[in-house]
Amino acid sequence: MMVHRTGESAEAVIGHPAVSDASPFLWCCHARGPDDVHAAPDYETALAWSDMLNAINWNTRTGAPFSWNDCLIKAAPARWPHSAASHAEDLPRSIAGFALPEAKVES
């Protein structure tokens, strides 16, 4: 079992070397725990989103530290496990979902 300390980069945890934007792979942020995948435009973005999720160490509903029954999320960049078409479909939702509140644009 892998132990992840808050504030530690997902790259350090998974030991994955940086991959250039020219990579032929489609990337995602894989949130283990709920086992969600979020399409990312490139490896570096998937890594940044993973680090954002891994930095959360409190219950977002109550603002309190995690208790024994909260779902802990460990995220890491991963290759997109589905079709290229589904990656293209999920990408706008992922980008909007990971935008910081001050960066979100009203529709």
PDB file of N, CA and C in Angstrom:
ATOM      1  N   MET A   1       0.846  -1.175   0.000  1.00  0.00           N
ATOM      2  CA  MET A   1       0.000   0.000   0.000  1.00  0.00           C
ATOM      3  C   MET A   1       0.897   1.245   0.000  1.00  0.00           C
ATOM      4  N   MET A   2       0.564   2.200  -0.835  1.00  0.00           N
ATOM      5  CA  MET A   2       1.325   3.428  -0.958  1.00  0.00           C
ATOM      6  C   MET A   2       0.815   4.469   0.036  1.00  0.00           C
ATOM      7  N   VAL A   3       1.718   5.071   0.786  1.00  0.00           N
ATOM      8  CA  VAL A   3       1.342   6.126   1.716  1.00  0.00           C
ATOM      9  C   VAL A   3       1.654   7.463   1.069  1.00  0.00           C
ATOM     10  N   HIS A   4       0.700   8.362   1.132  1.00  0.00           N
ATOM     11  CA  HIS A   4       0.859   9.673   0.509  1.00  0.00           C
ATOM     12  C   HIS A   4       0.730  10.734   1.592  1.00  0.00           C
ATOM     13  N   ARG A   5       1.747  11.547   1.736  1.00  0.00           N
ATOM     14  CA  ARG A   5       1.709  12.628   2.713  1.00  0.00           C
ATOM     15  C   ARG A   5       1.158  13.880   2.057  1.00  0.00           C
ATOM     16  N   THR A   6       0.340  14.597   2.792  1.00  0.00           N
ATOM     17  CA  THR A   6      -0.245  15.835   2.271  1.00  0.00           C
ATOM     18  C   THR A   6       0.874  16.772   1.829  1.00  0.00           C
ATOM     19  N   GLY A   7       0.694  17.366   0.673  1.00  0.00           N
ATOM     20  CA  GLY A   7       1.666  18.306   0.142  1.00  0.00           C
ATOM     21  C   GLY A   7       2.730  17.652  -0.717  1.00  0.00           C
ATOM     22  N   GLU A   8       2.799  16.321  -0.741  1.00  0.00           N
ATOM     23  CA  GLU A   8       3.787  15.622  -1.552  1.00  0.00           C
ATOM     24  C   GLU A   8       3.264  15.520  -2.983  1.00  0.00           C
ATOM     25  N   SER A   9       4.107  15.801  -3.939  1.00  0.00           N
ATOM     26  CA  SER A   9       3.699  15.767  -5.338  1.00  0.00           C
ATOM     27  C   SER A   9       3.302  14.366  -5.762  1.00  0.00           C
ATOM     28  N   ALA A  10       2.257  14.289  -6.581  1.00  0.00           N
ATOM     29  CA  ALA A  10       1.852  12.993  -7.128  1.00  0.00           C
ATOM     30  C   ALA A  10       2.995  12.389  -7.922  1.00  0.00           C
ATOM     31  N   GLU A  11       3.800  13.213  -8.562  1.00  0.00           N
ATOM     32  CA  GLU A  11       4.933  12.713  -9.335  1.00  0.00           C
ATOM     33  C   GLU A  11       5.914  11.987  -8.423  1.00  0.00           C
ATOM     34  N   ALA A  12       6.136  12.537  -7.221  1.00  0.00           N
ATOM     35  CA  ALA A  12       7.035  11.888  -6.275  1.00  0.00           C
ATOM     36  C   ALA A  12       6.448  10.572  -5.779  1.00  0.00           C
ATOM     37  N   VAL A  13       5.148  10.543  -5.601  1.00  0.00           N
ATOM     38  CA  VAL A  13       4.496   9.352  -5.088  1.00  0.00           C
ATOM     39  C   VAL A  13       4.547   8.217  -6.090  1.00  0.00           C
ATOM     40  N   ILE A  14       4.229   8.513  -7.350  1.00  0.00           N
ATOM     41  CA  ILE A  14       4.179   7.437  -8.338  1.00  0.00           C
ATOM     42  C   ILE A  14       5.515   7.199  -9.020  1.00  0.00           C
ATOM     43  N   GLY A  15       6.478   8.113  -8.818  1.00  0.00           N
ATOM     44  CA  GLY A  15       7.784   7.946  -9.426  1.00  0.00           C
ATOM     45  C   GLY A  15       7.744   7.985 -10.935  1.00  0.00           C
ATOM     46  N   HIS A  16       6.816   8.744 -11.489  1.00  0.00           N
ATOM     47  CA  HIS A  16       6.647   8.813 -12.939  1.00  0.00           C
ATOM     48  C   HIS A  16       7.435   9.993 -13.477  1.00  0.00           C
ATOM     49  N   PRO A  17       8.291   9.773 -14.463  1.00  0.00           N
ATOM     50  CA  PRO A  17       9.042  10.889 -15.031  1.00  0.00           C
ATOM     51  C   PRO A  17       8.127  11.832 -15.795  1.00  0.00           C
ATOM     52  N   ALA A  18       8.528  13.073 -15.886  1.00  0.00           N
ATOM     53  CA  ALA A  18       7.752  14.046 -16.662  1.00  0.00           C
ATOM     54  C   ALA A  18       7.708  13.595 -18.113  1.00  0.00           C
ATOM     55  N   VAL A  19       6.600  13.837 -18.759  1.00  0.00           N
ATOM     56  CA  VAL A  19       6.401  13.453 -20.150  1.00  0.00           C
ATOM     57  C   VAL A  19       6.110  14.722 -20.925  1.00  0.00           C
ATOM     58  N   SER A  20       6.693  14.854 -22.090  1.00  0.00           N
ATOM     59  CA  SER A  20       6.525  16.085 -22.860  1.00  0.00           C
ATOM     60  C   SER A  20       5.127  16.178 -23.456  1.00  0.00           C
ATOM     61  N   ASP A  21       4.747  17.393 -23.840  1.00  0.00           N
ATOM     62  CA  ASP A  21       3.464  17.613 -24.492  1.00  0.00           C
ATOM     63  C   ASP A  21       3.345  16.852 -25.806  1.00  0.00           C
ATOM     64  N   ALA A  22       4.474  16.432 -26.358  1.00  0.00           N
ATOM     65  CA  ALA A  22       4.463  15.704 -27.626  1.00  0.00           C
ATOM     66  C   ALA A  22       4.111  14.231 -27.417  1.00  0.00           C
ATOM     67  N   SER A  23       3.835  13.845 -26.182  1.00  0.00           N
ATOM     68  CA  SER A  23       3.498  12.460 -25.881  1.00  0.00           C
ATOM     69  C   SER A  23       2.296  12.010 -26.710  1.00  0.00           C
ATOM     70  N   PRO A  24       2.325  10.786 -27.233  1.00  0.00           N
ATOM     71  CA  PRO A  24       1.205  10.297 -28.042  1.00  0.00           C
ATOM     72  C   PRO A  24       0.014   9.833 -27.194  1.00  0.00           C
ATOM     73  N   PHE A  25       0.122   9.889 -25.884  1.00  0.00           N
ATOM     74  CA  PHE A  25      -0.927   9.379 -25.014  1.00  0.00           C
ATOM     75  C   PHE A  25      -1.950  10.451 -24.659  1.00  0.00           C
ATOM     76  N   LEU A  26      -3.161  10.005 -24.368  1.00  0.00           N
ATOM     77  CA  LEU A  26      -4.186  10.871 -23.793  1.00  0.00           C
ATOM     78  C   LEU A  26      -4.083  10.686 -22.288  1.00  0.00           C
ATOM     79  N   TRP A  27      -4.075  11.804 -21.556  1.00  0.00           N
ATOM     80  CA  TRP A  27      -3.832  11.754 -20.115  1.00  0.00           C
ATOM     81  C   TRP A  27      -5.084  12.094 -19.320  1.00  0.00           C
ATOM     82  N   CYS A  28      -5.090  11.640 -18.066  1.00  0.00           N
ATOM     83  CA  CYS A  28      -6.173  11.977 -17.152  1.00  0.00           C
ATOM     84  C   CYS A  28      -5.620  12.068 -15.740  1.00  0.00           C
ATOM     85  N   CYS A  29      -6.403  12.667 -14.879  1.00  0.00           N
ATOM     86  CA  CYS A  29      -6.153  12.659 -13.444  1.00  0.00           C
ATOM     87  C   CYS A  29      -6.994  11.506 -12.902  1.00  0.00           C
ATOM     88  N   HIS A  30      -6.340  10.482 -12.371  1.00  0.00           N
ATOM     89  CA  HIS A  30      -7.062   9.328 -11.825  1.00  0.00           C
ATOM     90  C   HIS A  30      -7.171   9.503 -10.317  1.00  0.00           C
ATOM     91  N   ALA A  31      -8.397   9.766  -9.857  1.00  0.00           N
ATOM     92  CA  ALA A  31      -8.665   9.934  -8.424  1.00  0.00           C
ATOM     93  C   ALA A  31      -9.017   8.572  -7.849  1.00  0.00           C
ATOM     94  N   ARG A  32      -8.046   7.966  -7.208  1.00  0.00           N
ATOM     95  CA  ARG A  32      -8.268   6.661  -6.582  1.00  0.00           C
ATOM     96  C   ARG A  32      -9.037   6.892  -5.287  1.00  0.00           C
ATOM     97  N   GLY A  33      -9.867   6.013  -4.922  1.00  0.00           N
ATOM     98  CA  GLY A  33     -10.770   6.191  -3.784  1.00  0.00           C
ATOM     99  C   GLY A  33     -12.151   6.137  -4.373  1.00  0.00           C
ATOM    100  N   PRO A  34     -12.611   7.254  -4.952  1.00  0.00           N
ATOM    101  CA  PRO A  34     -13.860   7.164  -5.697  1.00  0.00           C
ATOM    102  C   PRO A  34     -13.652   6.517  -7.068  1.00  0.00           C
ATOM    103  N   ASP A  35     -12.390   6.337  -7.479  1.00  0.00           N
ATOM    104  CA  ASP A  35     -12.018   5.741  -8.762  1.00  0.00           C
ATOM    105  C   ASP A  35     -12.607   6.508  -9.939  1.00  0.00           C
ATOM    106  N   ASP A  36     -12.395   7.812  -9.930  1.00  0.00           N
ATOM    107  CA  ASP A  36     -12.839   8.679 -11.020  1.00  0.00           C
ATOM    108  C   ASP A  36     -11.659   9.003 -11.922  1.00  0.00           C
ATOM    109  N   VAL A  37     -11.929   9.212 -13.204  1.00  0.00           N
ATOM    110  CA  VAL A  37     -10.915   9.713 -14.123  1.00  0.00           C
ATOM    111  C   VAL A  37     -11.428  11.016 -14.717  1.00  0.00           C
ATOM    112  N   HIS A  38     -10.520  11.988 -14.828  1.00  0.00           N
ATOM    113  CA  HIS A  38     -10.842  13.305 -15.364  1.00  0.00           C
ATOM    114  C   HIS A  38      -9.879  13.577 -16.510  1.00  0.00           C
ATOM    115  N   ALA A  39     -10.396  13.672 -17.729  1.00  0.00           N
ATOM    116  CA  ALA A  39      -9.561  13.900 -18.907  1.00  0.00           C
ATOM    117  C   ALA A  39      -8.737  15.172 -18.723  1.00  0.00           C
ATOM    118  N   ALA A  40      -7.458  15.106 -19.081  1.00  0.00           N
ATOM    119  CA  ALA A  40      -6.554  16.256 -18.975  1.00  0.00           C
ATOM    120  C   ALA A  40      -5.936  16.522 -20.342  1.00  0.00           C
ATOM    121  N   PRO A  41      -5.625  17.791 -20.622  1.00  0.00           N
ATOM    122  CA  PRO A  41      -5.058  18.106 -21.935  1.00  0.00           C
ATOM    123  C   PRO A  41      -3.648  17.560 -22.137  1.00  0.00           C
ATOM    124  N   ASP A  42      -2.909  17.335 -21.035  1.00  0.00           N
ATOM    125  CA  ASP A  42      -1.545  16.830 -21.140  1.00  0.00           C
ATOM    126  C   ASP A  42      -1.114  16.269 -19.786  1.00  0.00           C
ATOM    127  N   TYR A  43       0.070  15.645 -19.755  1.00  0.00           N
ATOM    128  CA  TYR A  43       0.586  15.034 -18.527  1.00  0.00           C
ATOM    129  C   TYR A  43       0.776  16.066 -17.421  1.00  0.00           C
ATOM    130  N   GLU A  44       1.362  17.212 -17.763  1.00  0.00           N
ATOM    131  CA  GLU A  44       1.649  18.222 -16.745  1.00  0.00           C
ATOM    132  C   GLU A  44       0.373  18.709 -16.063  1.00  0.00           C
ATOM    133  N   THR A  45      -0.705  18.867 -16.824  1.00  0.00           N
ATOM    134  CA  THR A  45      -1.986  19.279 -16.244  1.00  0.00           C
ATOM    135  C   THR A  45      -2.541  18.170 -15.363  1.00  0.00           C
ATOM    136  N   ALA A  46      -2.460  16.929 -15.815  1.00  0.00           N
ATOM    137  CA  ALA A  46      -2.922  15.800 -15.003  1.00  0.00           C
ATOM    138  C   ALA A  46      -2.156  15.746 -13.686  1.00  0.00           C
ATOM    139  N   LEU A  47      -0.868  16.025 -13.730  1.00  0.00           N
ATOM    140  CA  LEU A  47      -0.050  16.058 -12.521  1.00  0.00           C
ATOM    141  C   LEU A  47      -0.483  17.193 -11.598  1.00  0.00           C
ATOM    142  N   ALA A  48      -0.703  18.376 -12.146  1.00  0.00           N
ATOM    143  CA  ALA A  48      -1.122  19.524 -11.331  1.00  0.00           C
ATOM    144  C   ALA A  48      -2.484  19.258 -10.694  1.00  0.00           C
ATOM    145  N   TRP A  49      -3.427  18.709 -11.455  1.00  0.00           N
ATOM    146  CA  TRP A  49      -4.749  18.402 -10.895  1.00  0.00           C
ATOM    147  C   TRP A  49      -4.641  17.345  -9.810  1.00  0.00           C
ATOM    148  N   SER A  50      -3.773  16.351 -10.016  1.00  0.00           N
ATOM    149  CA  SER A  50      -3.560  15.317  -8.997  1.00  0.00           C
ATOM    150  C   SER A  50      -3.024  15.935  -7.713  1.00  0.00           C
ATOM    151  N   ASP A  51      -2.062  16.835  -7.862  1.00  0.00           N
ATOM    152  CA  ASP A  51      -1.503  17.505  -6.685  1.00  0.00           C
ATOM    153  C   ASP A  51      -2.564  18.326  -5.964  1.00  0.00           C
ATOM    154  N   MET A  52      -3.471  18.969  -6.726  1.00  0.00           N
ATOM    155  CA  MET A  52      -4.555  19.734  -6.103  1.00  0.00           C
ATOM    156  C   MET A  52      -5.443  18.819  -5.269  1.00  0.00           C
ATOM    157  N   LEU A  53      -5.830  17.679  -5.835  1.00  0.00           N
ATOM    158  CA  LEU A  53      -6.685  16.752  -5.096  1.00  0.00           C
ATOM    159  C   LEU A  53      -5.964  16.166  -3.888  1.00  0.00           C
ATOM    160  N   ASN A  54      -4.686  15.860  -4.035  1.00  0.00           N
ATOM    161  CA  ASN A  54      -3.933  15.270  -2.928  1.00  0.00           C
ATOM    162  C   ASN A  54      -3.691  16.259  -1.789  1.00  0.00           C
ATOM    163  N   ALA A  55      -3.783  17.550  -2.078  1.00  0.00           N
ATOM    164  CA  ALA A  55      -3.574  18.562  -1.038  1.00  0.00           C
ATOM    165  C   ALA A  55      -4.783  18.717  -0.123  1.00  0.00           C
ATOM    166  N   ILE A  56      -5.918  18.196  -0.542  1.00  0.00           N
ATOM    167  CA  ILE A  56      -7.124  18.318   0.278  1.00  0.00           C
ATOM    168  C   ILE A  56      -7.018  17.332   1.433  1.00  0.00           C
ATOM    169  N   ASN A  57      -7.022  17.858   2.642  1.00  0.00           N
ATOM    170  CA  ASN A  57      -6.932  16.972   3.806  1.00  0.00           C
ATOM    171  C   ASN A  57      -8.007  17.297   4.830  1.00  0.00           C
ATOM    172  N   TRP A  58      -9.141  17.758   4.334  1.00  0.00           N
ATOM    173  CA  TRP A  58     -10.254  18.031   5.233  1.00  0.00           C
ATOM    174  C   TRP A  58     -11.551  17.648   4.537  1.00  0.00           C
ATOM    175  N   ASN A  59     -12.574  17.497   5.328  1.00  0.00           N
ATOM    176  CA  ASN A  59     -13.887  17.158   4.809  1.00  0.00           C
ATOM    177  C   ASN A  59     -14.482  18.418   4.210  1.00  0.00           C
ATOM    178  N   THR A  60     -14.729  18.412   2.912  1.00  0.00           N
ATOM    179  CA  THR A  60     -15.203  19.631   2.255  1.00  0.00           C
ATOM    180  C   THR A  60     -16.637  19.983   2.628  1.00  0.00           C
ATOM    181  N   ARG A  61     -17.388  19.017   3.156  1.00  0.00           N
ATOM    182  CA  ARG A  61     -18.755  19.314   3.603  1.00  0.00           C
ATOM    183  C   ARG A  61     -18.765  20.057   4.932  1.00  0.00           C
ATOM    184  N   THR A  62     -17.888  19.657   5.854  1.00  0.00           N
ATOM    185  CA  THR A  62     -17.936  20.218   7.206  1.00  0.00           C
ATOM    186  C   THR A  62     -16.777  21.156   7.512  1.00  0.00           C
ATOM    187  N   GLY A  63     -15.700  21.096   6.726  1.00  0.00           N
ATOM    188  CA  GLY A  63     -14.518  21.908   7.006  1.00  0.00           C
ATOM    189  C   GLY A  63     -13.647  21.327   8.107  1.00  0.00           C
ATOM    190  N   ALA A  64     -14.014  20.160   8.621  1.00  0.00           N
ATOM    191  CA  ALA A  64     -13.253  19.514   9.700  1.00  0.00           C
ATOM    192  C   ALA A  64     -12.218  18.563   9.112  1.00  0.00           C
ATOM    193  N   PRO A  65     -11.198  18.214   9.900  1.00  0.00           N
ATOM    194  CA  PRO A  65     -10.245  17.198   9.424  1.00  0.00           C
ATOM    195  C   PRO A  65     -10.976  15.890   9.122  1.00  0.00           C
ATOM    196  N   PHE A  66     -10.362  15.065   8.266  1.00  0.00           N
ATOM    197  CA  PHE A  66     -10.972  13.787   7.917  1.00  0.00           C
ATOM    198  C   PHE A  66     -11.257  12.957   9.160  1.00  0.00           C
ATOM    199  N   SER A  67     -12.354  12.248   9.127  1.00  0.00           N
ATOM    200  CA  SER A  67     -12.662  11.289  10.183  1.00  0.00           C
ATOM    201  C   SER A  67     -12.558   9.889   9.583  1.00  0.00           C
ATOM    202  N   TRP A  68     -12.772   8.883  10.357  1.00  0.00           N
ATOM    203  CA  TRP A  68     -12.596   7.500   9.922  1.00  0.00           C
ATOM    204  C   TRP A  68     -13.514   7.123   8.769  1.00  0.00           C
ATOM    205  N   ASN A  69     -14.652   7.781   8.616  1.00  0.00           N
ATOM    206  CA  ASN A  69     -15.602   7.366   7.576  1.00  0.00           C
ATOM    207  C   ASN A  69     -15.597   8.247   6.331  1.00  0.00           C
ATOM    208  N   ASP A  70     -14.632   9.148   6.185  1.00  0.00           N
ATOM    209  CA  ASP A  70     -14.517   9.965   4.978  1.00  0.00           C
ATOM    210  C   ASP A  70     -13.767   9.193   3.898  1.00  0.00           C
ATOM    211  N   CYS A  71     -14.067   9.503   2.654  1.00  0.00           N
ATOM    212  CA  CYS A  71     -13.384   8.887   1.520  1.00  0.00           C
ATOM    213  C   CYS A  71     -12.090   9.649   1.251  1.00  0.00           C
ATOM    214  N   LEU A  72     -10.962   8.995   1.448  1.00  0.00           N
ATOM    215  CA  LEU A  72      -9.680   9.620   1.165  1.00  0.00           C
ATOM    216  C   LEU A  72      -9.379   9.452  -0.317  1.00  0.00           C
ATOM    217  N   ILE A  73      -8.897  10.516  -0.937  1.00  0.00           N
ATOM    218  CA  ILE A  73      -8.603  10.491  -2.365  1.00  0.00           C
ATOM    219  C   ILE A  73      -7.099  10.546  -2.558  1.00  0.00           C
ATOM    220  N   LYS A  74      -6.594   9.648  -3.350  1.00  0.00           N
ATOM    221  CA  LYS A  74      -5.195   9.664  -3.772  1.00  0.00           C
ATOM    222  C   LYS A  74      -5.224   9.747  -5.286  1.00  0.00           C
ATOM    223  N   ALA A  75      -4.710  10.822  -5.828  1.00  0.00           N
ATOM    224  CA  ALA A  75      -4.781  11.041  -7.274  1.00  0.00           C
ATOM    225  C   ALA A  75      -3.401  10.979  -7.904  1.00  0.00           C
ATOM    226  N   ALA A  76      -3.366  10.556  -9.162  1.00  0.00           N
ATOM    227  CA  ALA A  76      -2.113  10.486  -9.914  1.00  0.00           C
ATOM    228  C   ALA A  76      -2.424  10.594 -11.397  1.00  0.00           C
ATOM    229  N   PRO A  77      -1.477  11.129 -12.178  1.00  0.00           N
ATOM    230  CA  PRO A  77      -1.667  11.146 -13.626  1.00  0.00           C
ATOM    231  C   PRO A  77      -1.687   9.716 -14.150  1.00  0.00           C
ATOM    232  N   ALA A  78      -2.503   9.484 -15.159  1.00  0.00           N
ATOM    233  CA  ALA A  78      -2.587   8.153 -15.760  1.00  0.00           C
ATOM    234  C   ALA A  78      -2.983   8.302 -17.223  1.00  0.00           C
ATOM    235  N   ARG A  79      -2.754   7.260 -17.986  1.00  0.00           N
ATOM    236  CA  ARG A  79      -3.230   7.246 -19.366  1.00  0.00           C
ATOM    237  C   ARG A  79      -4.749   7.130 -19.347  1.00  0.00           C
ATOM    238  N   TRP A  80      -5.402   7.839 -20.244  1.00  0.00           N
ATOM    239  CA  TRP A  80      -6.858   7.779 -20.354  1.00  0.00           C
ATOM    240  C   TRP A  80      -7.261   6.350 -20.701  1.00  0.00           C
ATOM    241  N   PRO A  81      -8.158   5.741 -19.903  1.00  0.00           N
ATOM    242  CA  PRO A  81      -8.483   4.327 -20.113  1.00  0.00           C
ATOM    243  C   PRO A  81      -9.598   4.063 -21.124  1.00  0.00           C
ATOM    244  N   HIS A  82     -10.147   5.114 -21.728  1.00  0.00           N
ATOM    245  CA  HIS A  82     -11.281   4.951 -22.630  1.00  0.00           C
ATOM    246  C   HIS A  82     -10.913   5.435 -24.033  1.00  0.00           C
ATOM    247  N   SER A  83     -11.889   5.644 -24.877  1.00  0.00           N
ATOM    248  CA  SER A  83     -11.646   6.034 -26.269  1.00  0.00           C
ATOM    249  C   SER A  83     -11.217   7.502 -26.383  1.00  0.00           C
ATOM    250  N   ALA A  84     -10.620   7.825 -27.514  1.00  0.00           N
ATOM    251  CA  ALA A  84     -10.239   9.216 -27.794  1.00  0.00           C
ATOM    252  C   ALA A  84     -11.479  10.110 -27.843  1.00  0.00           C
ATOM    253  N   ALA A  85     -12.572   9.581 -28.363  1.00  0.00           N
ATOM    254  CA  ALA A  85     -13.810  10.368 -28.434  1.00  0.00           C
ATOM    255  C   ALA A  85     -14.332  10.702 -27.037  1.00  0.00           C
ATOM    256  N   SER A  86     -14.256   9.742 -26.118  1.00  0.00           N
ATOM    257  CA  SER A  86     -14.737  10.014 -24.762  1.00  0.00           C
ATOM    258  C   SER A  86     -13.800  10.985 -24.035  1.00  0.00           C
ATOM    259  N   HIS A  87     -12.506  10.965 -24.366  1.00  0.00           N
ATOM    260  CA  HIS A  87     -11.558  11.927 -23.791  1.00  0.00           C
ATOM    261  C   HIS A  87     -11.933  13.332 -24.246  1.00  0.00           C
ATOM    262  N   ALA A  88     -12.205  13.478 -25.547  1.00  0.00           N
ATOM    263  CA  ALA A  88     -12.587  14.791 -26.098  1.00  0.00           C
ATOM    264  C   ALA A  88     -13.893  15.279 -25.482  1.00  0.00           C
ATOM    265  N   GLU A  89     -14.810  14.375 -25.227  1.00  0.00           N
ATOM    266  CA  GLU A  89     -16.095  14.741 -24.624  1.00  0.00           C
ATOM    267  C   GLU A  89     -15.930  15.159 -23.164  1.00  0.00           C
ATOM    268  N   ASP A  90     -15.040  14.491 -22.425  1.00  0.00           N
ATOM    269  CA  ASP A  90     -14.872  14.760 -20.998  1.00  0.00           C
ATOM    270  C   ASP A  90     -13.982  15.967 -20.724  1.00  0.00           C
ATOM    271  N   LEU A  91     -13.105  16.314 -21.661  1.00  0.00           N
ATOM    272  CA  LEU A  91     -12.111  17.359 -21.432  1.00  0.00           C
ATOM    273  C   LEU A  91     -12.703  18.709 -21.016  1.00  0.00           C
ATOM    274  N   PRO A  92     -13.710  19.257 -21.691  1.00  0.00           N
ATOM    275  CA  PRO A  92     -14.261  20.552 -21.249  1.00  0.00           C
ATOM    276  C   PRO A  92     -14.834  20.504 -19.830  1.00  0.00           C
ATOM    277  N   ARG A  93     -15.486  19.401 -19.468  1.00  0.00           N
ATOM    278  CA  ARG A  93     -16.032  19.255 -18.121  1.00  0.00           C
ATOM    279  C   ARG A  93     -14.912  19.230 -17.084  1.00  0.00           C
ATOM    280  N   SER A  94     -13.842  18.513 -17.388  1.00  0.00           N
ATOM    281  CA  SER A  94     -12.715  18.434 -16.459  1.00  0.00           C
ATOM    282  C   SER A  94     -12.059  19.797 -16.275  1.00  0.00           C
ATOM    283  N   ILE A  95     -11.836  20.499 -17.372  1.00  0.00           N
ATOM    284  CA  ILE A  95     -11.205  21.823 -17.291  1.00  0.00           C
ATOM    285  C   ILE A  95     -12.069  22.760 -16.457  1.00  0.00           C
ATOM    286  N   ALA A  96     -13.374  22.753 -16.688  1.00  0.00           N
ATOM    287  CA  ALA A  96     -14.269  23.609 -15.905  1.00  0.00           C
ATOM    288  C   ALA A  96     -14.285  23.193 -14.432  1.00  0.00           C
ATOM    289  N   GLY A  97     -14.249  21.908 -14.181  1.00  0.00           N
ATOM    290  CA  GLY A  97     -14.295  21.411 -12.813  1.00  0.00           C
ATOM    291  C   GLY A  97     -13.054  21.719 -12.008  1.00  0.00           C
ATOM    292  N   PHE A  98     -11.894  21.782 -12.654  1.00  0.00           N
ATOM    293  CA  PHE A  98     -10.649  22.044 -11.939  1.00  0.00           C
ATOM    294  C   PHE A  98     -10.266  23.517 -11.941  1.00  0.00           C
ATOM    295  N   ALA A  99     -11.034  24.362 -12.621  1.00  0.00           N
ATOM    296  CA  ALA A  99     -10.733  25.801 -12.629  1.00  0.00           C
ATOM    297  C   ALA A  99     -10.909  26.354 -11.219  1.00  0.00           C
ATOM    298  N   LEU A 100     -10.004  27.201 -10.812  1.00  0.00           N
ATOM    299  CA  LEU A 100     -10.139  27.847  -9.512  1.00  0.00           C
ATOM    300  C   LEU A 100     -11.329  28.774  -9.538  1.00  0.00           C
ATOM    301  N   PRO A 101     -12.022  28.954  -8.399  1.00  0.00           N
ATOM    302  CA  PRO A 101     -13.233  29.778  -8.399  1.00  0.00           C
ATOM    303  C   PRO A 101     -13.052  31.143  -9.049  1.00  0.00           C
ATOM    304  N   GLU A 102     -11.931  31.797  -8.802  1.00  0.00           N
ATOM    305  CA  GLU A 102     -11.726  33.124  -9.387  1.00  0.00           C
ATOM    306  C   GLU A 102     -11.465  33.059 -10.885  1.00  0.00           C
ATOM    307  N   ALA A 103     -11.118  31.866 -11.399  1.00  0.00           N
ATOM    308  CA  ALA A 103     -10.835  31.719 -12.821  1.00  0.00           C
ATOM    309  C   ALA A 103     -12.056  31.262 -13.613  1.00  0.00           C
ATOM    310  N   LYS A 104     -13.117  30.828 -12.927  1.00  0.00           N
ATOM    311  CA  LYS A 104     -14.303  30.342 -13.629  1.00  0.00           C
ATOM    312  C   LYS A 104     -15.018  31.491 -14.308  1.00  0.00           C
ATOM    313  N   VAL A 105     -15.491  31.206 -15.494  1.00  0.00           N
ATOM    314  CA  VAL A 105     -16.170  32.216 -16.296  1.00  0.00           C
ATOM    315  C   VAL A 105     -17.663  31.911 -16.287  1.00  0.00           C
ATOM    316  N   GLU A 106     -18.461  32.950 -16.118  1.00  0.00           N
ATOM    317  CA  GLU A 106     -19.924  32.779 -16.149  1.00  0.00           C
ATOM    318  C   GLU A 106     -20.352  32.426 -17.568  1.00  0.00           C
ATOM    319  N   SER A 107     -21.267  31.475 -17.698  1.00  0.00           N
ATOM    320  CA  SER A 107     -21.762  31.082 -19.031  1.00  0.00           C
ATOM    321  C   SER A 107     -22.927  31.953 -19.425  1.00  0.00           C
TER     322      SER A 107
END
